[in-house]
Protein backbone atom coordinates (compact mmCIF):
# COMPACT_ATOMS: atom_id res chain seq x y z
CA MET A 1 -71.23 47.44 166.91
CA VAL A 2 -69.45 46.39 163.72
CA SER A 3 -71.62 45.56 160.74
CA PHE A 4 -70.65 43.08 158.04
CA PRO A 5 -72.33 42.79 154.66
CA GLU A 6 -73.90 39.43 153.93
CA ILE A 7 -74.00 37.77 150.54
CA PHE A 8 -76.51 34.99 149.99
CA SER A 9 -76.21 33.30 146.64
CA LEU A 10 -78.05 30.34 145.19
CA ASN A 11 -75.94 28.54 142.61
CA GLN A 12 -77.41 25.85 140.39
CA SER A 13 -74.54 24.71 138.20
CA TYR A 14 -76.44 21.68 136.95
CA LEU A 15 -78.59 24.03 134.86
CA PHE A 16 -77.29 25.06 131.43
CA MET A 17 -75.42 28.38 131.41
CA LYS A 18 -75.65 28.87 135.18
CA ILE A 19 -72.57 29.57 137.27
CA GLY A 20 -71.88 27.08 140.06
CA SER A 21 -70.57 27.76 143.56
CA THR A 22 -67.04 26.65 142.70
CA GLU A 23 -66.88 29.01 139.75
CA TRP A 24 -68.36 31.85 141.82
CA VAL A 25 -65.70 31.41 144.50
CA GLU A 26 -62.96 31.26 141.88
CA GLN A 27 -64.20 34.51 140.32
CA ASN A 28 -64.43 36.24 143.72
CA LEU A 29 -61.37 34.69 145.39
CA ILE A 30 -59.44 37.92 145.98
CA ASN A 31 -62.42 39.71 147.49
CA LEU A 32 -63.36 36.71 149.64
CA GLY A 33 -59.76 36.22 150.78
CA SER A 34 -59.44 39.77 152.01
CA LYS A 35 -62.95 40.39 153.37
CA ALA A 36 -64.83 37.14 154.07
CA VAL A 37 -65.38 35.89 157.59
CA ALA A 38 -67.00 32.64 156.46
CA TYR A 39 -68.08 30.90 153.28
CA LEU A 40 -70.79 28.27 153.60
CA ASN A 41 -71.45 25.90 150.73
CA VAL A 42 -74.88 24.40 151.32
CA ASP A 43 -75.41 21.58 148.85
CA CYS A 44 -78.75 20.48 150.26
CA ALA A 45 -80.44 22.99 152.54
CA VAL A 46 -83.46 20.88 153.55
CA GLN A 47 -83.74 17.11 153.57
CA GLY A 48 -85.46 14.71 155.94
CA PRO A 49 -86.55 15.08 159.54
CA GLY A 50 -83.16 15.53 161.21
CA LEU A 51 -80.12 17.78 161.11
CA PHE A 52 -76.93 16.71 159.35
CA VAL A 53 -73.93 19.01 159.31
CA GLY A 54 -70.61 18.31 157.64
CA SER A 55 -67.65 20.63 157.97
CA THR A 56 -63.96 20.89 158.51
CA PRO A 57 -62.84 19.71 161.97
CA GLN A 58 -61.99 23.30 162.95
CA LEU A 59 -65.72 24.13 163.00
CA ASP A 60 -66.88 21.13 165.06
CA ASN A 61 -67.05 22.95 168.41
CA LEU A 62 -68.74 25.99 166.89
CA ILE A 63 -71.39 23.82 165.23
CA LEU A 64 -72.06 21.94 168.47
CA GLU A 65 -72.46 25.15 170.47
CA VAL A 66 -74.75 26.79 167.91
CA THR A 67 -76.98 23.73 167.55
CA LYS A 68 -77.30 23.49 171.34
CA LYS A 69 -78.60 27.07 171.39
CA VAL A 70 -80.92 26.60 168.43
CA PHE A 71 -82.48 23.35 169.66
CA LYS A 72 -82.71 24.41 173.31
């Protein structure tokens, strides 16, 4: 079984002197480009009673399949 390191980062760029997600990606672009499997930018992790997911069209089928398994 192959193991991949996971990086979970909370970025609050609206706070003074904090680095935002865009800046973090720009600073880590080479490392992400050569090693990342996925980069998820979660602007609002929890809001309201339902699930809303926005992504690039290439991830549509993956999102549908995962949500079917989660909400089964």
